[in-house]
Amino acid sequence: MGSAKIQRNTRQRRVVLEELSKLSSHPTATELHEIARGRLPKISLATVYRNLDLLAKMGLVRKLQTAGSEARFDADTSRHHHVRCVRCGRVDDAHGVPADPLSGDVESVESYQILGFHLEFIGVCPACQQKPAGDDEACPWHDAGPAR
């Protein structure tokens, strides 16, 4: 019985990972759910969330979380940083930034054993820069859904 459940989820997990791997837009689970439904029409949002969390625990995807924002996912697990638009929430890779911008080894901070760090830049994406200040419309890149 447990084996059947693992087998059923394996196909769903594979589709979620394959579809995420095609994207450079760092989609939310909801955005990825809409895409995965193109291949698996009956896949639930809960299944997408569950599989993304499992894939993140397995180290096959990165879960990008910032307080106050919905988690986004990245199939590129190489060491790199991100930039997030403060207006629309779009997330892009931050190219041209060294993977380890800290000089020297940091062994502890305030008596913590340091396991790693997360660096995220914040700014305003090109599309939101083109809108008048105070314009509450969402960014056109964000509205169009995940870029393929």
C-alpha atoms as a PDB file:
ATOM      1  CA  MET A   1       0.000   0.000   0.000  1.00  0.00           C
ATOM      2  CA  GLY A   2       2.779   2.480   0.904  1.00  0.00           C
ATOM      3  CA  SER A   3       4.658   1.486  -2.258  1.00  0.00           C
ATOM      4  CA  ALA A   4       1.695   2.440  -4.467  1.00  0.00           C
ATOM      5  CA  LYS A   5       1.548   5.888  -2.887  1.00  0.00           C
ATOM      6  CA  ILE A   6       5.290   6.397  -3.447  1.00  0.00           C
ATOM      7  CA  GLN A   7       4.943   5.256  -7.076  1.00  0.00           C
ATOM      8  CA  ARG A   8       1.973   7.581  -7.720  1.00  0.00           C
ATOM      9  CA  ASN A   9       3.819  10.555  -6.244  1.00  0.00           C
ATOM     10  CA  THR A  10       6.967   9.724  -8.192  1.00  0.00           C
ATOM     11  CA  ARG A  11       5.298  10.632 -11.507  1.00  0.00           C
ATOM     12  CA  GLN A  12       3.863  13.818 -10.033  1.00  0.00           C
ATOM     13  CA  ARG A  13       7.213  14.700  -8.469  1.00  0.00           C
ATOM     14  CA  ARG A  14       8.981  14.131 -11.781  1.00  0.00           C
ATOM     15  CA  VAL A  15       6.521  16.398 -13.631  1.00  0.00           C
ATOM     16  CA  VAL A  16       6.853  19.133 -10.981  1.00  0.00           C
ATOM     17  CA  LEU A  17      10.661  18.974 -11.214  1.00  0.00           C
ATOM     18  CA  GLU A  18      10.676  18.868 -15.035  1.00  0.00           C
ATOM     19  CA  GLU A  19       8.359  21.862 -15.330  1.00  0.00           C
ATOM     20  CA  LEU A  20      10.294  23.854 -12.726  1.00  0.00           C
ATOM     21  CA  SER A  21      13.547  23.060 -14.552  1.00  0.00           C
ATOM     22  CA  LYS A  22      12.172  24.707 -17.719  1.00  0.00           C
ATOM     23  CA  LEU A  23      11.620  28.014 -15.904  1.00  0.00           C
ATOM     24  CA  SER A  24      13.944  30.842 -14.990  1.00  0.00           C
ATOM     25  CA  SER A  25      11.210  32.859 -13.270  1.00  0.00           C
ATOM     26  CA  HIS A  26      11.372  31.320  -9.772  1.00  0.00           C
ATOM     27  CA  PRO A  27       7.622  30.540  -9.645  1.00  0.00           C
ATOM     28  CA  THR A  28       5.405  30.138  -6.614  1.00  0.00           C
ATOM     29  CA  ALA A  29       3.782  26.755  -5.993  1.00  0.00           C
ATOM     30  CA  THR A  30       0.509  28.176  -7.316  1.00  0.00           C
ATOM     31  CA  GLU A  31       2.147  29.299 -10.574  1.00  0.00           C
ATOM     32  CA  LEU A  32       3.865  25.935 -10.974  1.00  0.00           C
ATOM     33  CA  HIS A  33       0.577  24.159 -10.226  1.00  0.00           C
ATOM     34  CA  GLU A  34      -1.064  25.909 -13.192  1.00  0.00           C
ATOM     35  CA  ILE A  35       1.781  24.796 -15.455  1.00  0.00           C
ATOM     36  CA  ALA A  36       1.860  21.210 -14.154  1.00  0.00           C
ATOM     37  CA  ARG A  37      -1.892  20.895 -14.782  1.00  0.00           C
ATOM     38  CA  GLY A  38      -1.072  21.092 -18.488  1.00  0.00           C
ATOM     39  CA  ARG A  39       0.514  17.647 -18.149  1.00  0.00           C
ATOM     40  CA  LEU A  40      -1.392  16.282 -15.154  1.00  0.00           C
ATOM     41  CA  PRO A  41      -4.865  17.906 -15.206  1.00  0.00           C
ATOM     42  CA  LYS A  42      -5.907  16.334 -11.869  1.00  0.00           C
ATOM     43  CA  ILE A  43      -2.793  17.289  -9.873  1.00  0.00           C
ATOM     44  CA  SER A  44      -3.776  19.225  -6.770  1.00  0.00           C
ATOM     45  CA  LEU A  45      -2.112  22.326  -5.394  1.00  0.00           C
ATOM     46  CA  ALA A  46      -1.434  20.407  -2.160  1.00  0.00           C
ATOM     47  CA  THR A  47       0.436  17.753  -4.145  1.00  0.00           C
ATOM     48  CA  VAL A  48       2.562  20.412  -5.826  1.00  0.00           C
ATOM     49  CA  TYR A  49       3.377  21.991  -2.443  1.00  0.00           C
ATOM     50  CA  ARG A  50       4.186  18.603  -0.915  1.00  0.00           C
ATOM     51  CA  ASN A  51       6.445  17.606  -3.798  1.00  0.00           C
ATOM     52  CA  LEU A  52       8.235  20.956  -3.897  1.00  0.00           C
ATOM     53  CA  ASP A  53       8.934  20.708  -0.166  1.00  0.00           C
ATOM     54  CA  LEU A  54      10.231  17.163  -0.597  1.00  0.00           C
ATOM     55  CA  LEU A  55      12.392  18.150  -3.592  1.00  0.00           C
ATOM     56  CA  ALA A  56      13.813  21.016  -1.520  1.00  0.00           C
ATOM     57  CA  LYS A  57      14.610  18.648   1.369  1.00  0.00           C
ATOM     58  CA  MET A  58      16.294  16.311  -1.131  1.00  0.00           C
ATOM     59  CA  GLY A  59      18.411  19.230  -2.388  1.00  0.00           C
ATOM     60  CA  LEU A  60      17.017  19.043  -5.925  1.00  0.00           C
ATOM     61  CA  VAL A  61      15.411  22.509  -5.818  1.00  0.00           C
ATOM     62  CA  ARG A  62      15.904  25.664  -3.769  1.00  0.00           C
ATOM     63  CA  LYS A  63      13.046  27.113  -1.756  1.00  0.00           C
ATOM     64  CA  LEU A  64      13.337  30.904  -1.693  1.00  0.00           C
ATOM     65  CA  GLN A  65      11.578  32.365   1.321  1.00  0.00           C
ATOM     66  CA  THR A  66      11.443  35.920   2.549  1.00  0.00           C
ATOM     67  CA  ALA A  67       9.262  37.016   5.443  1.00  0.00           C
ATOM     68  CA  GLY A  68       5.980  38.401   4.177  1.00  0.00           C
ATOM     69  CA  SER A  69       6.333  36.843   0.710  1.00  0.00           C
ATOM     70  CA  GLU A  70       5.064  33.615  -0.779  1.00  0.00           C
ATOM     71  CA  ALA A  71       7.834  31.037  -1.224  1.00  0.00           C
ATOM     72  CA  ARG A  72       9.296  30.730  -4.703  1.00  0.00           C
ATOM     73  CA  PHE A  73      11.242  27.816  -6.126  1.00  0.00           C
ATOM     74  CA  ASP A  74      14.405  27.507  -8.196  1.00  0.00           C
ATOM     75  CA  ALA A  75      15.607  24.366  -9.979  1.00  0.00           C
ATOM     76  CA  ASP A  76      19.112  25.848 -10.205  1.00  0.00           C
ATOM     77  CA  THR A  77      20.735  24.572  -7.027  1.00  0.00           C
ATOM     78  CA  SER A  78      24.146  26.018  -7.832  1.00  0.00           C
ATOM     79  CA  ARG A  79      25.390  28.652  -5.410  1.00  0.00           C
ATOM     80  CA  HIS A  80      23.970  31.970  -6.599  1.00  0.00           C
ATOM     81  CA  HIS A  81      21.976  34.915  -5.298  1.00  0.00           C
ATOM     82  CA  HIS A  82      18.687  36.557  -6.198  1.00  0.00           C
ATOM     83  CA  VAL A  83      17.131  39.965  -6.657  1.00  0.00           C
ATOM     84  CA  ARG A  84      13.456  40.531  -5.738  1.00  0.00           C
ATOM     85  CA  CYS A  85      11.233  43.367  -6.958  1.00  0.00           C
ATOM     86  CA  VAL A  86       9.694  45.139  -3.964  1.00  0.00           C
ATOM     87  CA  ARG A  87       6.662  46.166  -6.037  1.00  0.00           C
ATOM     88  CA  CYS A  88       5.548  43.000  -7.850  1.00  0.00           C
ATOM     89  CA  GLY A  89       7.550  40.236  -6.159  1.00  0.00           C
ATOM     90  CA  ARG A  90       9.355  39.094  -9.314  1.00  0.00           C
ATOM     91  CA  VAL A  91      12.566  37.188  -8.518  1.00  0.00           C
ATOM     92  CA  ASP A  92      15.566  36.917 -10.834  1.00  0.00           C
ATOM     93  CA  ASP A  93      19.059  35.513 -10.517  1.00  0.00           C
ATOM     94  CA  ALA A  94      21.585  38.186  -9.511  1.00  0.00           C
ATOM     95  CA  HIS A  95      24.267  37.754 -12.166  1.00  0.00           C
ATOM     96  CA  GLY A  96      27.713  39.202 -11.657  1.00  0.00           C
ATOM     97  CA  VAL A  97      27.702  38.739  -7.885  1.00  0.00           C
ATOM     98  CA  PRO A  98      30.356  36.408  -6.476  1.00  0.00           C
ATOM     99  CA  ALA A  99      28.888  33.209  -5.043  1.00  0.00           C
ATOM    100  CA  ASP A 100      30.672  33.923  -1.751  1.00  0.00           C
ATOM    101  CA  PRO A 101      30.873  37.690  -1.267  1.00  0.00           C
ATOM    102  CA  LEU A 102      32.122  37.312   2.304  1.00  0.00           C
ATOM    103  CA  SER A 103      35.865  37.615   2.483  1.00  0.00           C
ATOM    104  CA  GLY A 104      37.530  35.112   4.767  1.00  0.00           C
ATOM    105  CA  ASP A 105      35.950  32.334   6.744  1.00  0.00           C
ATOM    106  CA  VAL A 106      33.169  33.183   9.133  1.00  0.00           C
ATOM    107  CA  GLU A 107      33.114  30.508  11.787  1.00  0.00           C
ATOM    108  CA  SER A 108      30.642  32.050  14.184  1.00  0.00           C
ATOM    109  CA  VAL A 109      28.470  35.096  14.627  1.00  0.00           C
ATOM    110  CA  GLU A 110      27.133  35.862  18.104  1.00  0.00           C
ATOM    111  CA  SER A 111      28.144  32.318  19.206  1.00  0.00           C
ATOM    112  CA  TYR A 112      26.162  30.662  16.400  1.00  0.00           C
ATOM    113  CA  GLN A 113      27.748  27.842  14.426  1.00  0.00           C
ATOM    114  CA  ILE A 114      27.435  29.198  10.875  1.00  0.00           C
ATOM    115  CA  LEU A 115      26.163  26.656   8.353  1.00  0.00           C
ATOM    116  CA  GLY A 116      25.777  29.030   5.421  1.00  0.00           C
ATOM    117  CA  PHE A 117      24.152  32.276   4.413  1.00  0.00           C
ATOM    118  CA  HIS A 118      21.416  33.641   2.175  1.00  0.00           C
ATOM    119  CA  LEU A 119      21.916  36.855   0.270  1.00  0.00           C
ATOM    120  CA  GLU A 120      18.990  38.464  -1.534  1.00  0.00           C
ATOM    121  CA  PHE A 121      19.058  41.852  -3.185  1.00  0.00           C
ATOM    122  CA  ILE A 122      15.893  43.929  -3.296  1.00  0.00           C
ATOM    123  CA  GLY A 123      15.043  46.508  -5.905  1.00  0.00           C
ATOM    124  CA  VAL A 124      12.532  47.504  -8.548  1.00  0.00           C
ATOM    125  CA  CYS A 125      12.343  45.376 -11.717  1.00  0.00           C
ATOM    126  CA  PRO A 126      12.607  47.017 -15.172  1.00  0.00           C
ATOM    127  CA  ALA A 127       8.856  46.777 -15.855  1.00  0.00           C
ATOM    128  CA  CYS A 128       7.906  48.375 -12.530  1.00  0.00           C
ATOM    129  CA  GLN A 129      10.462  51.144 -13.134  1.00  0.00           C
ATOM    130  CA  GLN A 130       8.488  52.109 -16.245  1.00  0.00           C
ATOM    131  CA  LYS A 131       5.243  52.596 -14.307  1.00  0.00           C
ATOM    132  CA  PRO A 132       4.374  55.916 -12.648  1.00  0.00           C
ATOM    133  CA  ALA A 133       5.073  56.127  -8.924  1.00  0.00           C
ATOM    134  CA  GLY A 134       2.098  54.941  -6.880  1.00  0.00           C
ATOM    135  CA  ASP A 135       0.687  52.871  -9.751  1.00  0.00           C
ATOM    136  CA  ASP A 136      -0.873  49.866  -8.004  1.00  0.00           C
ATOM    137  CA  GLU A 137      -1.125  47.714 -11.130  1.00  0.00           C
ATOM    138  CA  ALA A 138       0.935  44.562 -10.963  1.00  0.00           C
ATOM    139  CA  CYS A 139       4.102  44.270 -13.005  1.00  0.00           C
ATOM    140  CA  PRO A 140       3.338  42.978 -16.553  1.00  0.00           C
ATOM    141  CA  TRP A 141       6.081  40.350 -16.262  1.00  0.00           C
ATOM    142  CA  HIS A 142       4.523  39.111 -13.030  1.00  0.00           C
ATOM    143  CA  ASP A 143       0.971  39.146 -14.473  1.00  0.00           C
ATOM    144  CA  ALA A 144       2.018  37.146 -17.525  1.00  0.00           C
ATOM    145  CA  GLY A 145       2.847  34.198 -15.272  1.00  0.00           C
ATOM    146  CA  PRO A 146       6.131  32.396 -15.139  1.00  0.00           C
ATOM    147  CA  ALA A 147       8.437  33.082 -18.060  1.00  0.00           C
ATOM    148  CA  ARG A 148       9.472  30.011 -20.015  1.00  0.00           C
END
